[in-house]
Amino acid sequence: MNRMIRPILIHPDPRLKKVVDPVSDITDELRAVADDMLETMYDAPGIGLAGPQIGLMSRLIVLDCVKEEGAAPRPLIMFNPEIIASSDEKSVYEEGCLSIPEQYAEVTRPAEVTVTWMDRDGNACEDSFDGLWATCVQHEIDHLNGKLFIDYLSPMKRQMMTRKSQKLKRERARA
């Protein structure tokens, strides 16, 4: 099967601020898009990617937070992911985003979350995540709700990062 690297939308783009629709039917076409998303994410390189980031306005995310050299990848494809529980305990990670290239900031989120989703075969799944996996799955689900990691920052810092992103977008458009 031919995998395709998809173009990633760069902030600010109005599609990145929209709440997207649930997936009602997991089709072969959507499975192919999910595979493309994994390919795009690995190529970027990143550890997560949400549908809206490639202009797909559906509740679909992919992630793989395995970072250890030589460790087997653990790609996850989630249709309609939903956080059903989160810990009171918080963790702070320096987050980045493929839609806000080359910019990072510390974000505080619940340290552990339990998520339900449908896998590529339409099976209902539920799992708990902690560490980087918990941060990543929350970051990607935020994308489905029109929220970016910079929305957790102070208005001044958010504005600064948005300006840098606009400048990068213009430079790429000229290239």
Protein backbone atom coordinates (compact mmCIF):
# COMPACT_ATOMS: atom_id res chain seq x y z
CA MET A 1 0.00 0.00 0.00
CA ASN A 2 1.25 3.45 -0.89
CA ARG A 3 1.70 5.67 2.15
CA MET A 4 1.63 9.39 1.63
CA ILE A 5 3.25 12.21 3.55
CA ARG A 6 0.51 14.82 4.05
CA PRO A 7 1.18 18.57 4.34
CA ILE A 8 0.82 19.78 7.94
CA LEU A 9 -1.16 22.98 8.53
CA ILE A 10 0.81 25.73 10.24
CA HIS A 11 -0.72 27.98 12.92
CA PRO A 12 -2.47 30.34 12.50
CA ASP A 13 -4.94 28.44 10.32
CA PRO A 14 -8.67 28.66 11.11
CA ARG A 15 -9.04 24.87 10.75
CA LEU A 16 -6.76 24.38 13.77
CA LYS A 17 -9.24 26.28 15.97
CA LYS A 18 -12.36 24.28 15.03
CA VAL A 19 -14.03 21.56 17.08
CA VAL A 20 -14.22 18.59 14.71
CA ASP A 21 -16.92 15.99 14.16
CA PRO A 22 -16.91 12.44 15.47
CA VAL A 23 -16.14 9.65 13.01
CA SER A 24 -19.42 7.84 12.37
CA ASP A 25 -18.05 5.09 10.14
CA ILE A 26 -14.47 3.79 9.99
CA THR A 27 -14.00 3.31 6.25
CA ASP A 28 -11.04 1.93 4.29
CA GLU A 29 -10.43 5.50 3.14
CA LEU A 30 -10.19 6.71 6.77
CA ARG A 31 -7.88 3.81 7.65
CA ALA A 32 -5.63 4.84 4.74
CA VAL A 33 -5.66 8.45 6.01
CA ALA A 34 -4.70 7.18 9.50
CA ASP A 35 -1.76 5.26 7.97
CA ASP A 36 -0.73 8.41 6.06
CA MET A 37 -0.94 10.37 9.32
CA LEU A 38 1.45 7.93 11.03
CA GLU A 39 3.83 8.19 8.08
CA THR A 40 3.58 12.01 8.17
CA MET A 41 4.14 12.06 11.95
CA TYR A 42 7.24 9.81 11.77
CA ASP A 43 8.61 11.83 8.86
CA ALA A 44 8.14 15.20 10.61
CA PRO A 45 9.44 13.82 13.12
CA GLY A 46 6.83 13.99 15.84
CA ILE A 47 5.12 11.80 18.45
CA GLY A 48 1.51 12.71 17.69
CA LEU A 49 -0.71 14.11 14.95
CA ALA A 50 -4.40 15.01 14.88
CA GLY A 51 -6.77 15.04 11.90
CA PRO A 52 -7.20 18.84 11.85
CA GLN A 53 -3.42 19.26 11.45
CA ILE A 54 -3.70 17.78 7.93
CA GLY A 55 -7.04 19.43 7.21
CA LEU A 56 -9.12 16.33 8.11
CA MET A 57 -12.00 17.66 10.19
CA SER A 58 -12.67 14.35 11.97
CA ARG A 59 -11.91 13.01 15.44
CA LEU A 60 -8.83 10.98 14.54
CA ILE A 61 -5.41 11.07 16.19
CA VAL A 62 -2.25 9.02 15.87
CA LEU A 63 0.61 8.79 18.34
CA ASP A 64 3.76 6.89 19.14
CA CYS A 65 5.77 8.06 22.14
CA VAL A 66 8.44 5.35 22.01
CA LYS A 67 11.68 7.34 22.03
CA GLU A 68 14.31 4.79 23.07
CA GLU A 69 16.84 4.03 20.36
CA GLY A 70 16.22 0.55 18.93
CA ALA A 71 12.89 0.10 20.75
CA ALA A 72 10.01 -1.20 18.68
CA PRO A 73 7.57 1.52 17.62
CA ARG A 74 4.14 1.43 19.24
CA PRO A 75 1.88 3.31 16.83
CA LEU A 76 -1.62 4.02 18.11
CA ILE A 77 -4.52 5.05 15.90
CA MET A 78 -7.50 6.46 17.79
CA PHE A 79 -10.89 7.27 16.30
CA ASN A 80 -13.15 9.40 18.55
CA PRO A 81 -10.74 9.42 21.52
CA GLU A 82 -12.22 10.72 24.74
CA ILE A 83 -10.65 11.31 28.14
CA ILE A 84 -12.93 9.67 30.71
CA ALA A 85 -10.73 10.16 33.79
CA SER A 86 -7.71 12.24 34.74
CA SER A 87 -5.52 12.35 37.83
CA ASP A 88 -5.41 15.23 40.30
CA GLU A 89 -1.64 14.91 40.14
CA LYS A 90 -0.09 17.15 37.49
CA SER A 91 3.02 16.88 35.36
CA VAL A 92 4.88 19.51 33.38
CA TYR A 93 6.36 18.76 29.97
CA GLU A 94 8.01 20.96 27.43
CA GLU A 95 5.57 20.64 24.54
CA GLY A 96 5.99 21.39 20.89
CA CYS A 97 3.60 20.99 17.98
CA LEU A 98 4.08 20.10 14.32
CA SER A 99 1.67 22.95 13.50
CA ILE A 100 3.82 25.42 15.49
CA PRO A 101 7.28 24.37 14.28
CA GLU A 102 10.46 24.97 16.25
CA GLN A 103 8.68 26.43 19.28
CA TYR A 104 8.37 24.86 22.71
CA ALA A 105 6.90 25.76 26.07
CA GLU A 106 6.19 24.07 29.39
CA VAL A 107 2.57 23.01 29.81
CA THR A 108 0.99 21.59 32.98
CA ARG A 109 -1.52 18.77 32.46
CA PRO A 110 -2.92 15.84 34.47
CA ALA A 111 -0.13 13.29 35.01
CA GLU A 112 -2.40 10.33 34.16
CA VAL A 113 -5.48 9.98 31.97
CA THR A 114 -7.81 7.17 30.97
CA VAL A 115 -8.96 7.31 27.37
CA THR A 116 -11.61 5.45 25.37
CA TRP A 117 -11.46 5.21 21.58
CA MET A 118 -12.22 3.02 18.58
CA ASP A 119 -9.33 1.26 16.89
CA ARG A 120 -8.92 0.94 13.11
CA ASP A 121 -11.20 -2.12 13.10
CA GLY A 122 -13.97 -0.36 15.03
CA ASN A 123 -13.24 -2.13 18.33
CA ALA A 124 -13.88 -0.17 21.52
CA CYS A 125 -10.65 0.36 23.47
CA GLU A 126 -9.79 1.82 26.84
CA ASP A 127 -6.37 2.39 28.37
CA SER A 128 -4.63 4.55 30.94
CA PHE A 129 -1.61 6.62 30.04
CA ASP A 130 1.05 8.35 32.09
CA GLY A 131 4.28 10.23 31.48
CA LEU A 132 4.89 11.42 27.93
CA TRP A 133 2.02 9.26 26.60
CA ALA A 134 -0.47 11.06 28.87
CA THR A 135 0.80 14.48 27.78
CA CYS A 136 0.76 13.52 24.10
CA VAL A 137 -2.74 12.01 24.07
CA GLN A 138 -4.13 15.10 25.85
CA HIS A 139 -2.30 17.42 23.42
CA GLU A 140 -3.74 15.55 20.40
CA ILE A 141 -7.29 15.39 21.81
CA ASP A 142 -7.03 19.16 22.41
CA HIS A 143 -6.48 19.54 18.64
CA LEU A 144 -9.85 17.83 18.05
CA ASN A 145 -11.43 20.48 20.28
CA GLY A 146 -9.79 23.42 18.51
CA LYS A 147 -7.23 23.97 21.25
CA LEU A 148 -3.46 24.37 20.82
CA PHE A 149 -0.76 23.99 23.48
CA ILE A 150 -0.08 27.73 23.27
CA ASP A 151 -3.63 28.32 24.57
CA TYR A 152 -2.26 27.24 27.99
CA LEU A 153 0.34 30.02 27.96
CA SER A 154 0.18 33.68 28.97
CA PRO A 155 -1.36 35.96 26.31
CA MET A 156 2.01 37.64 25.74
CA LYS A 157 3.89 34.38 25.21
CA ARG A 158 1.08 33.04 23.00
CA GLN A 159 1.17 36.19 20.85
CA MET A 160 4.94 35.98 20.52
CA MET A 161 4.79 32.34 19.38
CA THR A 162 1.94 33.12 16.96
CA ARG A 163 4.00 35.92 15.39
CA LYS A 164 7.01 33.62 14.97
CA SER A 165 4.74 31.01 13.41
CA GLN A 166 3.25 33.57 10.98
CA LYS A 167 6.75 34.63 9.95
CA LEU A 168 7.79 31.00 9.34
CA LYS A 169 4.59 30.44 7.34
CA ARG A 170 5.38 33.44 5.11
CA GLU A 171 8.99 32.27 4.61
CA ARG A 172 7.80 28.78 3.62
CA ALA A 173 5.23 30.25 1.21
CA ARG A 174 8.04 32.15 -0.57
CA ALA A 175 10.36 29.14 -0.73
